[in-house]
N, C-alpha and C. Protein backbone atom coordinates (compact mmCIF):
# COMPACT_ATOMS: atom_id res chain seq x y z
N MET A 1 -1.23 71.81 -15.23
CA MET A 1 -0.28 70.87 -15.23
C MET A 1 -1.03 69.19 -15.03
N LEU A 2 -0.48 68.33 -15.67
CA LEU A 2 -0.50 66.61 -15.50
C LEU A 2 0.56 66.17 -15.38
N PHE A 3 -0.23 65.14 -14.02
CA PHE A 3 0.98 64.37 -13.47
C PHE A 3 0.29 62.84 -14.02
N ASN A 4 1.98 62.40 -14.00
CA ASN A 4 1.71 61.51 -14.85
C ASN A 4 1.66 60.35 -13.80
N ARG A 5 0.86 59.37 -13.08
CA ARG A 5 1.51 58.59 -11.90
C ARG A 5 1.29 56.97 -12.46
N CYS A 6 2.11 56.37 -11.84
CA CYS A 6 3.07 55.07 -12.58
C CYS A 6 2.52 54.02 -11.95
N GLY A 7 2.13 54.51 -10.31
CA GLY A 7 1.64 53.42 -8.97
C GLY A 7 0.29 52.74 -9.61
N VAL A 8 -0.02 52.02 -8.04
CA VAL A 8 -1.11 51.36 -8.02
C VAL A 8 -2.12 51.67 -7.32
N THR A 9 -3.79 51.93 -7.01
CA THR A 9 -4.05 52.60 -6.24
C THR A 9 -4.44 51.67 -4.93
N LEU A 10 -5.08 51.95 -3.99
CA LEU A 10 -5.13 50.65 -2.51
C LEU A 10 -6.46 49.86 -3.15
N VAL A 11 -7.04 50.56 -4.05
CA VAL A 11 -8.44 49.99 -4.28
C VAL A 11 -7.79 48.83 -5.28
N GLU A 12 -7.10 49.12 -6.64
CA GLU A 12 -6.41 48.25 -6.98
C GLU A 12 -5.86 47.14 -6.69
N LEU A 13 -5.20 47.54 -5.87
CA LEU A 13 -4.68 46.55 -4.60
C LEU A 13 -5.60 45.10 -4.21
N LEU A 14 -6.34 45.91 -3.32
CA LEU A 14 -7.24 44.70 -2.60
C LEU A 14 -7.88 44.34 -3.93
N VAL A 15 -8.23 44.49 -4.72
CA VAL A 15 -9.10 43.36 -5.89
C VAL A 15 -8.25 42.70 -6.30
N ALA A 16 -6.82 42.95 -6.23
CA ALA A 16 -6.09 41.72 -6.78
C ALA A 16 -5.54 40.65 -5.71
N VAL A 17 -5.65 41.18 -4.47
CA VAL A 17 -5.36 40.52 -3.36
C VAL A 17 -6.67 39.37 -3.03
N ALA A 18 -7.57 39.59 -3.39
CA ALA A 18 -9.06 39.35 -3.17
C ALA A 18 -9.24 37.85 -4.39
N LEU A 19 -8.47 38.56 -5.60
CA LEU A 19 -8.91 37.71 -6.25
C LEU A 19 -7.49 36.38 -5.95
N LEU A 20 -6.77 36.88 -5.70
CA LEU A 20 -5.60 35.82 -5.44
C LEU A 20 -6.19 34.41 -4.37
N ALA A 21 -7.04 35.47 -3.23
CA ALA A 21 -7.60 34.56 -2.10
C ALA A 21 -8.62 33.86 -2.60
N VAL A 22 -9.31 34.11 -3.56
CA VAL A 22 -10.25 33.58 -4.33
C VAL A 22 -9.71 32.19 -4.41
N LEU A 23 -8.74 32.28 -5.66
CA LEU A 23 -8.29 31.58 -6.36
C LEU A 23 -7.55 30.39 -5.89
N THR A 24 -6.73 30.78 -4.68
CA THR A 24 -6.23 30.13 -3.63
C THR A 24 -7.27 29.28 -2.96
N SER A 25 -8.32 29.42 -2.40
CA SER A 25 -9.38 28.90 -1.41
C SER A 25 -10.18 27.65 -2.76
N ALA A 26 -9.79 27.56 -3.97
CA ALA A 26 -10.48 27.22 -5.01
C ALA A 26 -9.25 26.33 -5.21
N ILE A 27 -8.08 26.61 -5.27
CA ILE A 27 -6.98 25.06 -5.54
C ILE A 27 -6.72 24.23 -4.23
N LEU A 28 -6.71 24.64 -3.11
CA LEU A 28 -6.02 24.10 -1.93
C LEU A 28 -6.99 22.66 -1.76
N PRO A 29 -8.35 22.59 -1.97
CA PRO A 29 -9.18 21.25 -1.85
C PRO A 29 -8.60 20.55 -2.77
N PHE A 30 -8.24 20.49 -3.73
CA PHE A 30 -8.22 20.08 -5.34
C PHE A 30 -6.30 19.59 -4.76
N ASN A 31 -5.78 20.36 -3.92
CA ASN A 31 -4.31 20.10 -3.59
C ASN A 31 -4.06 18.72 -2.69
N ARG A 32 -5.36 18.77 -1.73
CA ARG A 32 -5.44 17.83 -0.92
C ARG A 32 -6.07 16.51 -1.41
N MET A 33 -6.99 16.63 -2.42
CA MET A 33 -7.48 15.73 -3.17
C MET A 33 -6.46 14.65 -3.54
N THR A 34 -5.50 15.50 -4.30
CA THR A 34 -4.73 14.85 -5.28
C THR A 34 -3.40 14.48 -4.64
N ALA A 35 -3.10 14.68 -3.12
CA ALA A 35 -2.44 13.88 -2.18
C ALA A 35 -2.94 12.53 -1.76
N GLN A 36 -4.26 13.02 -1.29
CA GLN A 36 -5.33 11.45 -1.14
C GLN A 36 -5.03 10.42 -2.07
N ARG A 37 -5.47 11.06 -3.46
CA ARG A 37 -5.87 10.16 -4.86
C ARG A 37 -4.04 9.57 -5.08
N THR A 38 -2.88 9.82 -4.26
CA THR A 38 -1.83 9.54 -4.77
C THR A 38 -1.61 8.25 -4.25
N ARG A 39 -1.76 8.66 -2.68
CA ARG A 39 -1.54 8.08 -1.41
C ARG A 39 -2.53 6.85 -1.72
N GLU A 40 -3.71 6.93 -2.39
CA GLU A 40 -4.37 5.57 -2.41
C GLU A 40 -3.98 4.84 -3.69
N LEU A 41 -3.12 5.20 -4.58
CA LEU A 41 -2.91 5.08 -5.61
C LEU A 41 -1.69 4.06 -5.26
N GLU A 42 -0.91 4.38 -4.76
CA GLU A 42 0.65 3.90 -3.63
C GLU A 42 -0.49 2.96 -2.96
N LEU A 43 -0.99 2.87 -1.92
CA LEU A 43 -1.90 1.45 -1.54
C LEU A 43 -1.83 0.46 -2.30
N ARG A 44 -2.44 0.96 -3.54
CA ARG A 44 -3.23 0.00 -4.34
C ARG A 44 -2.21 -0.86 -4.80
N ARG A 45 -0.63 -0.46 -5.16
CA ARG A 45 0.02 -1.43 -6.12
C ARG A 45 0.80 -2.05 -4.75
N ASN A 46 0.88 -1.09 -3.92
CA ASN A 46 1.43 -2.32 -2.85
C ASN A 46 1.21 -2.89 -2.39
N LEU A 47 -0.32 -3.05 -2.44
CA LEU A 47 -1.17 -4.25 -2.05
C LEU A 47 -1.20 -5.27 -3.39
N ARG A 48 -1.00 -4.55 -4.51
CA ARG A 48 -1.08 -5.66 -5.63
C ARG A 48 0.49 -6.19 -5.29
N THR A 49 1.17 -5.61 -5.15
CA THR A 49 2.88 -5.92 -4.87
C THR A 49 3.29 -7.25 -3.98
N ILE A 50 2.72 -7.00 -3.25
CA ILE A 50 2.46 -7.63 -2.00
C ILE A 50 1.74 -9.24 -1.83
N ARG A 51 0.28 -9.24 -2.88
CA ARG A 51 -0.50 -10.33 -2.93
C ARG A 51 0.01 -11.07 -3.76
N THR A 52 1.06 -10.26 -4.80
CA THR A 52 1.48 -11.47 -6.05
C THR A 52 2.72 -11.68 -5.51
N ALA A 53 3.07 -11.43 -4.61
CA ALA A 53 4.46 -11.99 -4.05
C ALA A 53 3.92 -12.82 -3.22
N LEU A 54 2.88 -13.44 -2.24
CA LEU A 54 2.24 -14.07 -1.93
C LEU A 54 1.91 -15.44 -2.97
N ASP A 55 1.09 -15.03 -3.52
CA ASP A 55 0.75 -16.14 -4.40
C ASP A 55 1.62 -16.68 -5.37
N ASP A 56 2.92 -15.84 -5.59
CA ASP A 56 4.18 -16.43 -6.29
C ASP A 56 4.95 -17.49 -5.50
N TYR A 57 5.16 -17.34 -4.10
CA TYR A 57 5.58 -17.89 -3.19
C TYR A 57 4.90 -19.67 -3.01
N LYS A 58 3.53 -19.36 -2.90
CA LYS A 58 2.33 -20.25 -3.25
C LYS A 58 2.76 -21.51 -4.27
N HIS A 59 2.44 -20.50 -5.40
CA HIS A 59 3.05 -21.42 -6.79
C HIS A 59 4.36 -22.18 -6.63
N ALA A 60 5.37 -21.46 -6.21
CA ALA A 60 6.52 -22.13 -6.04
C ALA A 60 6.85 -23.64 -4.89
N TYR A 61 5.72 -23.29 -4.14
CA TYR A 61 5.77 -24.61 -3.02
C TYR A 61 5.23 -25.32 -3.70
N ASP A 62 4.08 -24.91 -4.25
CA ASP A 62 2.95 -26.58 -4.78
C ASP A 62 4.20 -26.73 -5.78
N LYS A 63 5.06 -26.28 -6.67
CA LYS A 63 5.82 -26.92 -7.66
C LYS A 63 6.85 -27.91 -6.64
N ALA A 64 7.45 -27.39 -5.58
CA ALA A 64 8.43 -27.99 -5.09
C ALA A 64 7.88 -29.66 -4.37
N ILE A 65 6.56 -29.22 -3.91
CA ILE A 65 5.78 -30.43 -3.91
C ILE A 65 5.00 -31.66 -4.58
N GLU A 66 4.89 -30.70 -5.68
CA GLU A 66 4.31 -31.49 -7.06
C GLU A 66 5.84 -32.30 -7.42
N GLN A 67 6.87 -32.00 -7.53
CA GLN A 67 8.39 -32.28 -8.25
C GLN A 67 8.87 -33.28 -6.65
N LYS A 68 8.19 -33.28 -5.44
CA LYS A 68 8.98 -34.48 -4.50
C LYS A 68 10.03 -33.31 -3.82
N LYS A 69 10.53 -32.14 -3.65
CA LYS A 69 11.31 -31.04 -3.62
C LYS A 69 11.23 -31.30 -2.09
N ILE A 70 9.69 -30.92 -1.80
CA ILE A 70 9.75 -31.63 -0.35
C ILE A 70 8.62 -32.14 0.08
N VAL A 71 8.58 -32.47 1.20
CA VAL A 71 7.96 -33.47 1.99
C VAL A 71 6.22 -32.55 2.06
N ALA A 72 4.81 -33.19 1.77
CA ALA A 72 3.72 -32.40 2.05
C ALA A 72 3.80 -32.91 3.35
N VAL A 73 3.14 -31.69 4.27
CA VAL A 73 2.90 -31.35 5.56
C VAL A 73 1.50 -31.64 5.73
N ALA A 74 1.07 -32.23 6.86
CA ALA A 74 -0.42 -32.15 7.39
C ALA A 74 -0.67 -30.76 7.72
N ASN A 75 -1.81 -29.94 7.27
CA ASN A 75 -1.87 -28.26 7.59
C ASN A 75 -1.27 -27.36 7.28
N ALA A 76 -0.57 -27.53 6.18
CA ALA A 76 1.26 -26.69 5.69
C ALA A 76 -0.25 -26.09 4.92
N THR A 77 0.05 -25.13 4.60
CA THR A 77 -0.95 -24.62 3.63
C THR A 77 0.05 -24.07 2.43
N GLY A 78 1.30 -23.49 2.73
CA GLY A 78 2.36 -23.26 1.49
C GLY A 78 2.55 -21.93 1.44
N TYR A 79 1.98 -21.13 2.24
CA TYR A 79 1.98 -19.37 2.17
C TYR A 79 3.51 -19.44 3.25
N PRO A 80 3.93 -18.39 2.93
CA PRO A 80 5.17 -17.98 3.91
C PRO A 80 4.44 -17.35 4.90
N LYS A 81 5.66 -17.72 6.47
CA LYS A 81 5.09 -18.01 7.69
C LYS A 81 4.97 -16.16 8.17
N THR A 82 6.32 -15.42 7.68
CA THR A 82 6.46 -14.17 7.88
C THR A 82 6.15 -13.25 6.39
N LEU A 83 6.31 -12.43 6.32
CA LEU A 83 6.24 -11.53 5.23
C LEU A 83 8.19 -11.06 4.71
N GLU A 84 8.59 -11.00 5.92
CA GLU A 84 10.13 -11.34 5.64
C GLU A 84 10.92 -12.25 4.62
N VAL A 85 10.04 -13.21 4.59
CA VAL A 85 10.64 -14.70 4.53
C VAL A 85 10.21 -14.34 2.67
N LEU A 86 9.52 -13.54 2.15
CA LEU A 86 9.44 -12.90 0.96
C LEU A 86 10.44 -12.28 0.47
N VAL A 87 11.42 -11.62 1.57
CA VAL A 87 12.33 -10.89 1.01
C VAL A 87 13.38 -11.80 1.14
N GLU A 88 13.96 -12.24 2.42
CA GLU A 88 14.80 -13.80 2.74
C GLU A 88 15.05 -14.24 1.61
N GLY A 89 13.94 -15.08 1.26
CA GLY A 89 13.80 -15.76 0.37
C GLY A 89 13.92 -17.32 0.70
N ASP A 90 13.73 -18.37 -0.48
CA ASP A 90 13.58 -19.80 -0.14
C ASP A 90 13.85 -20.58 -1.54
N ASP A 91 14.37 -21.63 -1.32
CA ASP A 91 14.99 -22.70 -1.95
C ASP A 91 14.14 -23.88 -2.22
N PHE A 92 13.37 -23.92 -1.50
CA PHE A 92 11.77 -24.98 -1.63
C PHE A 92 12.53 -26.09 -2.12
N GLY A 93 13.49 -26.43 -0.53
CA GLY A 93 14.20 -27.90 -0.89
C GLY A 93 14.63 -28.44 -2.32
N GLY A 94 15.94 -27.18 -2.61
CA GLY A 94 16.62 -27.68 -3.64
C GLY A 94 15.73 -27.58 -5.64
N LEU A 95 14.53 -26.72 -5.00
CA LEU A 95 13.70 -26.44 -6.32
C LEU A 95 14.73 -25.27 -7.47
N TYR A 96 15.35 -24.45 -6.34
CA TYR A 96 16.24 -23.71 -7.07
C TYR A 96 17.44 -23.59 -6.35
N ALA A 97 18.48 -23.37 -7.30
CA ALA A 97 19.89 -23.36 -6.98
C ALA A 97 20.36 -22.79 -5.78
N VAL A 98 19.68 -21.53 -6.00
CA VAL A 98 19.80 -20.80 -4.53
C VAL A 98 18.38 -19.94 -4.06
N LYS A 99 18.44 -19.35 -2.97
CA LYS A 99 17.20 -19.10 -2.65
C LYS A 99 16.54 -17.98 -3.45
N ARG A 100 15.13 -18.36 -3.59
CA ARG A 100 14.08 -17.36 -4.86
C ARG A 100 14.10 -16.33 -3.94
N LYS A 101 13.96 -14.61 -4.32
CA LYS A 101 13.31 -13.90 -3.11
C LYS A 101 12.25 -13.54 -3.93
N PHE A 102 11.47 -13.25 -3.53
CA PHE A 102 10.28 -12.64 -4.19
C PHE A 102 9.88 -11.13 -3.60
N LEU A 103 10.25 -10.48 -2.60
CA LEU A 103 10.37 -8.85 -3.06
C LEU A 103 12.04 -8.62 -2.62
N ARG A 104 11.96 -7.58 -3.29
CA ARG A 104 13.53 -7.05 -2.37
C ARG A 104 13.13 -6.11 -1.28
N ARG A 105 11.90 -5.91 -0.50
CA ARG A 105 11.82 -5.24 0.83
C ARG A 105 10.17 -5.01 0.78
N ILE A 106 9.90 -4.71 2.02
CA ILE A 106 8.24 -5.25 2.19
C ILE A 106 7.67 -3.56 1.87
N PRO A 107 7.16 -3.19 0.82
CA PRO A 107 6.39 -1.98 0.70
C PRO A 107 5.96 -1.42 2.07
N PRO A 108 6.00 -0.46 2.31
CA PRO A 108 5.00 0.27 3.54
C PRO A 108 3.53 0.72 3.25
N ASP A 109 2.92 0.77 3.99
CA ASP A 109 1.38 1.01 3.97
C ASP A 109 1.56 2.57 3.82
N PRO A 110 1.27 2.94 3.07
CA PRO A 110 1.09 4.76 3.14
C PRO A 110 0.39 5.33 3.51
N MET A 111 -1.21 4.33 4.08
CA MET A 111 -1.99 4.91 4.80
C MET A 111 -1.71 4.85 6.62
N ASN A 112 -0.52 4.69 6.50
CA ASN A 112 -0.73 3.92 8.32
C ASN A 112 0.72 4.31 8.74
N PRO A 113 0.71 6.10 8.53
CA PRO A 113 2.32 6.36 8.98
C PRO A 113 1.97 6.53 10.73
N PRO A 114 3.05 6.67 10.86
CA PRO A 114 4.45 6.64 10.72
C PRO A 114 5.22 5.14 10.53
N THR A 115 4.22 4.22 11.04
CA THR A 115 4.99 2.95 10.69
C THR A 115 5.35 2.03 9.46
N GLY A 116 4.06 2.46 9.00
CA GLY A 116 4.09 2.04 7.55
C GLY A 116 3.53 0.29 7.47
N GLN A 117 3.26 -0.38 9.16
CA GLN A 117 2.92 -1.80 9.32
C GLN A 117 1.64 -2.01 8.31
N TRP A 118 1.69 -3.52 7.89
CA TRP A 118 -0.04 -4.06 7.40
C TRP A 118 -0.65 -4.76 8.33
N GLY A 119 -1.72 -4.99 8.39
CA GLY A 119 -2.50 -5.92 8.99
C GLY A 119 -2.42 -7.62 8.17
N LEU A 120 -2.44 -8.39 8.78
CA LEU A 120 -1.85 -9.72 8.02
C LEU A 120 -3.22 -10.80 8.84
N ARG A 121 -3.42 -12.01 7.55
CA ARG A 121 -4.37 -12.72 8.04
C ARG A 121 -4.25 -13.88 7.64
N SER A 122 -4.12 -15.17 8.35
CA SER A 122 -3.49 -16.27 7.84
C SER A 122 -4.72 -17.16 6.70
N TYR A 123 -4.59 -17.93 6.13
CA TYR A 123 -5.43 -19.16 5.79
C TYR A 123 -6.27 -19.75 6.32
N VAL A 124 -6.44 -19.59 7.42
CA VAL A 124 -7.61 -19.97 8.34
C VAL A 124 -8.50 -19.03 8.95
N ASP A 125 -8.04 -17.63 9.29
CA ASP A 125 -8.64 -16.57 9.41
C ASP A 125 -9.71 -16.05 9.10
N ALA A 126 -10.78 -15.70 9.32
CA ALA A 126 -11.97 -15.23 8.93
C ALA A 126 -11.27 -14.07 7.80
N PRO A 127 -12.05 -13.90 6.91
CA PRO A 127 -11.73 -12.36 6.03
C PRO A 127 -12.03 -11.42 6.44
N ASP A 128 -12.08 -11.04 7.34
CA ASP A 128 -12.72 -9.66 8.00
C ASP A 128 -12.04 -9.21 9.28
N THR A 129 -11.09 -10.35 9.70
CA THR A 129 -10.76 -10.29 11.23
C THR A 129 -9.71 -9.30 11.47
N ASP A 130 -9.59 -9.20 12.18
CA ASP A 130 -8.55 -8.06 12.56
C ASP A 130 -7.20 -8.73 13.59
N ILE A 131 -7.36 -9.71 13.74
CA ILE A 131 -6.49 -10.71 14.76
C ILE A 131 -6.02 -11.62 13.60
N TRP A 132 -4.14 -11.62 13.34
CA TRP A 132 -3.79 -12.25 12.61
C TRP A 132 -3.56 -13.51 13.85
N GLY A 133 -3.44 -14.84 13.12
CA GLY A 133 -3.70 -16.36 13.54
C GLY A 133 -2.09 -17.14 13.51
N LYS A 134 -1.27 -15.57 13.14
CA LYS A 134 0.22 -16.26 12.86
C LYS A 134 0.77 -18.03 12.52
N GLU A 135 -0.47 -18.61 11.76
CA GLU A 135 0.58 -19.72 10.93
C GLU A 135 0.69 -19.29 9.62
N ASP A 136 0.30 -18.57 9.35
CA ASP A 136 1.10 -17.91 8.02
C ASP A 136 0.88 -16.90 7.63
N VAL A 137 1.15 -16.08 6.27
CA VAL A 137 0.60 -15.18 5.70
C VAL A 137 -0.22 -15.27 4.38
N TYR A 138 -1.47 -15.51 4.51
CA TYR A 138 -1.93 -15.47 3.65
C TYR A 138 -2.59 -14.51 2.21
N ASP A 139 -3.18 -12.95 3.37
CA ASP A 139 -3.81 -12.03 2.92
C ASP A 139 -3.21 -10.90 3.96
N ILE A 140 -2.82 -9.67 3.41
CA ILE A 140 -2.59 -8.59 4.02
C ILE A 140 -3.80 -7.31 4.00
N TYR A 141 -3.58 -6.15 4.67
CA TYR A 141 -4.84 -5.35 4.60
C TYR A 141 -3.72 -4.22 5.27
N SER A 142 -4.91 -2.74 4.67
CA SER A 142 -4.28 -1.68 5.47
C SER A 142 -4.79 -1.62 7.01
N GLN A 143 -4.34 -1.12 7.69
CA GLN A 143 -4.53 -1.17 9.11
C GLN A 143 -5.03 0.64 9.48
N SER A 144 -5.44 0.82 8.05
CA SER A 144 -5.65 2.48 8.63
C SER A 144 -7.36 2.58 8.65
N GLY A 145 -7.82 3.34 9.33
CA GLY A 145 -9.23 3.39 9.54
C GLY A 145 -9.70 4.45 8.66
N GLY A 146 -9.41 5.03 7.98
CA GLY A 146 -9.82 5.81 6.44
C GLY A 146 -10.71 5.51 5.83
N VAL A 147 -11.36 6.69 5.52
CA VAL A 147 -12.05 6.41 3.94
C VAL A 147 -11.89 6.38 3.13
N ALA A 148 -11.66 6.35 1.80
CA ALA A 148 -11.03 6.83 0.55
C ALA A 148 -12.24 7.53 -0.08
N LEU A 149 -11.60 7.86 -1.38
CA LEU A 149 -12.45 8.90 -2.01
C LEU A 149 -13.46 8.34 -2.27
N ASP A 150 -13.46 7.14 -2.81
CA ASP A 150 -14.47 6.55 -3.47
C ASP A 150 -15.91 5.95 -1.99
N GLY A 151 -15.04 6.75 -0.99
CA GLY A 151 -16.19 5.61 0.30
C GLY A 151 -16.06 4.36 0.62
N SER A 152 -15.32 3.77 0.05
CA SER A 152 -14.57 2.41 0.66
C SER A 152 -13.64 2.71 1.85
N LYS A 153 -13.32 1.50 2.68
CA LYS A 153 -12.86 1.75 3.89
C LYS A 153 -11.48 1.30 3.18
N TYR A 154 -10.54 1.85 3.79
CA TYR A 154 -8.83 1.11 3.28
C TYR A 154 -8.61 -0.50 4.19
N LYS A 155 -9.53 -0.49 4.88
CA LYS A 155 -9.30 -2.04 5.57
C LYS A 155 -9.77 -3.13 4.74
N GLU A 156 -10.52 -2.31 3.60
CA GLU A 156 -11.26 -3.39 2.65
C GLU A 156 -10.81 -3.60 1.53
N TRP A 157 -9.80 -3.05 1.38
CA TRP A 157 -9.46 -3.18 -0.02
C TRP A 157 -8.44 -4.44 -0.19
């Protein structure tokens, strides 16, 4: 009499589980790397967005000075006093009929959770300082002490 067996042996089951464990251990580092790469791309995009808005604000300020809509003040750099000014807007002494807004909202720093706060530098600050002079906002940087996949520090981006 022949018995027709339709089950899986214990050895076959162990081999299948071992293969799944090997595949999982190979995939998890790629998954973490992909998540970090995604946050790095978001960081680059947010830095570019805010820095472009800062440059646009400076250009509008210079245009208002050129058209004599506002009076040039000694030691004024033309950069906004805070990042919030980019969201609230400015009419530059009547250069624009309404307040011109440069950002809808301030994008967060994805490498600095949970606050998402940026490090700020004013025009007179040293390029590598961590202390904001509070005269204006000339540049921003990530406050994260982390290192990127390419080996550079996020603070230096």
